[in-house]
N, C-alpha and C. Protein backbone atom coordinates (compact mmCIF):
# COMPACT_ATOMS: atom_id res chain seq x y z
N MET A 1 -64.29 220.93 117.48
CA MET A 1 -63.97 219.55 117.14
C MET A 1 -65.05 218.64 117.72
N ILE A 2 -65.34 217.60 117.01
CA ILE A 2 -66.35 216.63 117.45
C ILE A 2 -65.80 215.82 118.62
N ASN A 3 -66.65 215.60 119.60
CA ASN A 3 -66.31 214.73 120.71
C ASN A 3 -66.60 213.29 120.26
N TYR A 4 -65.57 212.46 120.20
CA TYR A 4 -65.72 211.12 119.66
C TYR A 4 -66.53 210.20 120.58
N LYS A 5 -66.59 210.50 121.85
CA LYS A 5 -67.45 209.73 122.74
C LYS A 5 -68.91 209.99 122.37
N HIS A 6 -69.26 211.23 122.09
CA HIS A 6 -70.61 211.57 121.65
C HIS A 6 -70.93 210.84 120.35
N LEU A 7 -69.95 210.84 119.44
CA LEU A 7 -70.13 210.17 118.15
C LEU A 7 -70.32 208.66 118.35
N HIS A 8 -69.60 208.09 119.29
CA HIS A 8 -69.74 206.66 119.59
C HIS A 8 -71.14 206.37 120.13
N TYR A 9 -71.63 207.21 121.01
CA TYR A 9 -72.99 207.03 121.53
C TYR A 9 -74.00 207.14 120.40
N PHE A 10 -73.82 208.12 119.52
CA PHE A 10 -74.71 208.27 118.37
C PHE A 10 -74.71 207.00 117.52
N LEU A 11 -73.53 206.49 117.21
CA LEU A 11 -73.40 205.29 116.39
C LEU A 11 -74.11 204.12 117.04
N THR A 12 -73.94 203.97 118.34
CA THR A 12 -74.57 202.86 119.05
C THR A 12 -76.09 202.98 119.05
N VAL A 13 -76.60 204.18 119.28
CA VAL A 13 -78.05 204.39 119.23
C VAL A 13 -78.58 204.07 117.83
N ALA A 14 -77.90 204.54 116.81
CA ALA A 14 -78.33 204.30 115.44
C ALA A 14 -78.32 202.80 115.12
N LYS A 15 -77.28 202.10 115.53
CA LYS A 15 -77.16 200.67 115.23
C LYS A 15 -78.13 199.83 116.06
N GLU A 16 -78.33 200.22 117.32
CA GLU A 16 -79.21 199.46 118.21
C GLU A 16 -80.68 199.80 118.01
N GLY A 17 -80.95 200.90 117.36
CA GLY A 17 -82.33 201.28 117.07
C GLY A 17 -83.02 202.08 118.15
N GLY A 18 -82.30 202.51 119.16
CA GLY A 18 -82.91 203.33 120.20
C GLY A 18 -82.00 203.52 121.38
N ILE A 19 -82.38 204.48 122.20
CA ILE A 19 -81.57 204.84 123.37
C ILE A 19 -81.57 203.74 124.42
N ALA A 20 -82.73 203.12 124.66
CA ALA A 20 -82.81 202.09 125.71
C ALA A 20 -81.88 200.92 125.40
N ARG A 21 -81.91 200.42 124.17
CA ARG A 21 -81.03 199.30 123.82
C ARG A 21 -79.56 199.72 123.82
N ALA A 22 -79.29 200.94 123.37
CA ALA A 22 -77.91 201.43 123.39
C ALA A 22 -77.40 201.55 124.81
N SER A 23 -78.27 202.00 125.73
CA SER A 23 -77.83 202.15 127.12
C SER A 23 -77.52 200.79 127.74
N GLU A 24 -78.28 199.77 127.38
CA GLU A 24 -77.99 198.41 127.86
C GLU A 24 -76.65 197.93 127.32
N ARG A 25 -76.42 198.16 126.04
CA ARG A 25 -75.18 197.71 125.41
C ARG A 25 -73.95 198.43 125.98
N LEU A 26 -74.11 199.72 126.25
CA LEU A 26 -72.98 200.52 126.74
C LEU A 26 -72.87 200.55 128.26
N ASN A 27 -73.89 200.00 128.93
CA ASN A 27 -73.94 199.99 130.40
C ASN A 27 -73.89 201.40 130.99
N ILE A 28 -74.64 202.30 130.39
CA ILE A 28 -74.80 203.65 130.93
C ILE A 28 -76.29 204.00 130.88
N THR A 29 -76.68 205.01 131.61
CA THR A 29 -78.10 205.33 131.70
C THR A 29 -78.61 205.96 130.40
N PRO A 30 -79.89 205.74 130.11
CA PRO A 30 -80.48 206.39 128.94
C PRO A 30 -80.38 207.91 129.02
N GLN A 31 -80.47 208.46 130.22
CA GLN A 31 -80.37 209.92 130.39
C GLN A 31 -79.00 210.43 129.96
N THR A 32 -77.97 209.66 130.27
CA THR A 32 -76.62 210.05 129.87
C THR A 32 -76.50 210.06 128.35
N ILE A 33 -76.99 209.01 127.71
CA ILE A 33 -76.92 208.94 126.25
C ILE A 33 -77.72 210.08 125.63
N SER A 34 -78.92 210.29 126.12
CA SER A 34 -79.77 211.35 125.59
C SER A 34 -79.08 212.71 125.70
N GLY A 35 -78.49 212.97 126.84
CA GLY A 35 -77.79 214.24 127.05
C GLY A 35 -76.60 214.39 126.12
N GLN A 36 -75.86 213.30 125.93
CA GLN A 36 -74.68 213.35 125.05
C GLN A 36 -75.10 213.52 123.59
N LEU A 37 -76.20 212.90 123.19
CA LEU A 37 -76.70 213.09 121.83
C LEU A 37 -77.11 214.54 121.61
N SER A 38 -77.75 215.12 122.62
CA SER A 38 -78.14 216.53 122.52
C SER A 38 -76.93 217.42 122.34
N LEU A 39 -75.86 217.12 123.06
CA LEU A 39 -74.63 217.91 122.92
C LEU A 39 -74.03 217.77 121.52
N LEU A 40 -74.08 216.55 120.97
CA LEU A 40 -73.57 216.34 119.62
C LEU A 40 -74.41 217.11 118.60
N GLU A 41 -75.73 217.04 118.74
CA GLU A 41 -76.60 217.77 117.84
C GLU A 41 -76.37 219.29 117.96
N GLU A 42 -76.18 219.74 119.17
CA GLU A 42 -75.91 221.16 119.39
C GLU A 42 -74.60 221.56 118.72
N ARG A 43 -73.58 220.73 118.88
CA ARG A 43 -72.27 221.02 118.29
C ARG A 43 -72.35 221.07 116.77
N LEU A 44 -73.11 220.13 116.18
CA LEU A 44 -73.23 220.07 114.72
C LEU A 44 -74.26 221.06 114.18
N GLY A 45 -75.17 221.50 115.05
CA GLY A 45 -76.19 222.45 114.64
C GLY A 45 -77.32 221.84 113.84
N VAL A 46 -77.52 220.52 113.99
CA VAL A 46 -78.58 219.82 113.25
C VAL A 46 -79.19 218.73 114.13
N LYS A 47 -80.40 218.32 113.78
CA LYS A 47 -81.03 217.18 114.42
C LYS A 47 -80.57 215.92 113.71
N LEU A 48 -80.19 214.91 114.47
CA LEU A 48 -79.73 213.65 113.90
C LEU A 48 -80.82 212.59 113.91
N PHE A 49 -81.76 212.73 114.82
CA PHE A 49 -82.89 211.80 114.93
C PHE A 49 -84.18 212.59 114.94
N SER A 50 -85.24 211.94 114.48
CA SER A 50 -86.58 212.49 114.67
C SER A 50 -87.41 211.40 115.34
N LYS A 51 -88.34 211.83 116.19
CA LYS A 51 -89.19 210.88 116.89
C LYS A 51 -90.36 210.50 115.99
N VAL A 52 -90.57 209.22 115.86
CA VAL A 52 -91.71 208.69 115.11
C VAL A 52 -92.43 207.75 116.07
N GLY A 53 -93.49 208.26 116.66
CA GLY A 53 -94.15 207.50 117.72
C GLY A 53 -93.22 207.44 118.92
N ARG A 54 -92.93 206.22 119.34
CA ARG A 54 -92.02 206.04 120.48
C ARG A 54 -90.59 205.72 120.06
N ARG A 55 -90.36 205.68 118.76
CA ARG A 55 -89.01 205.31 118.32
C ARG A 55 -88.31 206.47 117.64
N LEU A 56 -87.02 206.31 117.47
CA LEU A 56 -86.20 207.33 116.82
C LEU A 56 -85.85 206.87 115.41
N GLU A 57 -85.88 207.79 114.48
CA GLU A 57 -85.42 207.52 113.12
C GLU A 57 -84.36 208.54 112.78
N LEU A 58 -83.36 208.08 112.04
CA LEU A 58 -82.32 209.00 111.59
C LEU A 58 -82.90 210.01 110.61
N THR A 59 -82.50 211.24 110.75
CA THR A 59 -82.82 212.25 109.74
C THR A 59 -81.89 212.01 108.55
N GLU A 60 -82.10 212.75 107.50
CA GLU A 60 -81.21 212.64 106.35
C GLU A 60 -79.78 212.98 106.76
N THR A 61 -79.63 214.03 107.55
CA THR A 61 -78.30 214.40 108.05
C THR A 61 -77.76 213.33 108.98
N GLY A 62 -78.64 212.73 109.78
CA GLY A 62 -78.23 211.63 110.67
C GLY A 62 -77.65 210.47 109.89
N ARG A 63 -78.25 210.17 108.73
CA ARG A 63 -77.73 209.08 107.90
C ARG A 63 -76.34 209.42 107.36
N LEU A 64 -76.13 210.70 107.02
CA LEU A 64 -74.82 211.13 106.56
C LEU A 64 -73.79 211.00 107.68
N VAL A 65 -74.16 211.47 108.87
CA VAL A 65 -73.26 211.38 110.02
C VAL A 65 -72.97 209.92 110.34
N LEU A 66 -73.96 209.04 110.23
CA LEU A 66 -73.76 207.62 110.48
C LEU A 66 -72.73 207.03 109.53
N SER A 67 -72.79 207.41 108.26
CA SER A 67 -71.81 206.86 107.31
C SER A 67 -70.39 207.31 107.66
N PHE A 68 -70.24 208.56 108.08
CA PHE A 68 -68.93 209.03 108.50
C PHE A 68 -68.49 208.35 109.80
N ALA A 69 -69.42 208.18 110.74
CA ALA A 69 -69.08 207.54 112.02
C ALA A 69 -68.63 206.11 111.79
N ASP A 70 -69.32 205.39 110.90
CA ASP A 70 -68.89 204.02 110.57
C ASP A 70 -67.46 204.01 110.08
N GLU A 71 -67.16 204.93 109.18
CA GLU A 71 -65.81 205.00 108.61
C GLU A 71 -64.77 205.36 109.67
N ILE A 72 -65.09 206.35 110.49
CA ILE A 72 -64.17 206.79 111.53
C ILE A 72 -63.82 205.64 112.48
N PHE A 73 -64.83 204.93 112.96
CA PHE A 73 -64.56 203.86 113.92
C PHE A 73 -63.96 202.62 113.25
N SER A 74 -64.26 202.43 111.98
CA SER A 74 -63.61 201.36 111.24
C SER A 74 -62.11 201.64 111.11
N LEU A 75 -61.78 202.89 110.78
CA LEU A 75 -60.37 203.27 110.69
C LEU A 75 -59.67 203.15 112.05
N GLY A 76 -60.38 203.48 113.11
CA GLY A 76 -59.82 203.32 114.45
C GLY A 76 -59.48 201.86 114.73
N GLY A 77 -60.37 200.96 114.31
CA GLY A 77 -60.10 199.53 114.47
C GLY A 77 -58.90 199.08 113.66
N GLU A 78 -58.79 199.60 112.44
CA GLU A 78 -57.64 199.28 111.60
C GLU A 78 -56.35 199.80 112.22
N LEU A 79 -56.40 200.98 112.82
CA LEU A 79 -55.24 201.54 113.48
C LEU A 79 -54.78 200.64 114.63
N GLU A 80 -55.73 200.22 115.45
CA GLU A 80 -55.37 199.31 116.57
C GLU A 80 -54.73 198.02 116.05
N GLU A 81 -55.32 197.47 114.99
CA GLU A 81 -54.80 196.23 114.42
C GLU A 81 -53.38 196.43 113.90
N ALA A 82 -53.15 197.54 113.21
CA ALA A 82 -51.82 197.83 112.66
C ALA A 82 -50.80 197.98 113.77
N ILE A 83 -51.18 198.64 114.87
CA ILE A 83 -50.28 198.84 115.99
C ILE A 83 -49.92 197.50 116.64
N HIS A 84 -50.90 196.62 116.77
CA HIS A 84 -50.64 195.32 117.40
C HIS A 84 -49.79 194.41 116.53
N GLN A 85 -49.70 194.71 115.24
CA GLN A 85 -48.89 193.89 114.36
C GLN A 85 -47.45 194.40 114.23
N LEU A 86 -47.14 195.53 114.87
CA LEU A 86 -45.77 196.04 114.82
C LEU A 86 -44.85 195.11 115.59
N PRO A 87 -43.59 195.04 115.14
CA PRO A 87 -42.63 194.18 115.87
C PRO A 87 -42.28 194.75 117.21
């Protein structure tokens, strides 16, 4: 099963455009994020990012995972909203 914390880190890196900015946003070290991304890639058996110079770009598979991650966390937000609206 996918670790959703790893998926959240992946989503943040993808949206922020890199590990350094994601680490600032999440208030955790870049090493932690890098290690967690490696674990996610290992679990999925694919590379999600490729290095282009000093920056990271999503691979084709990374773009697919990003679309699923967006949906997963969007549904999580909807779930929280629905729960808060219960009587």
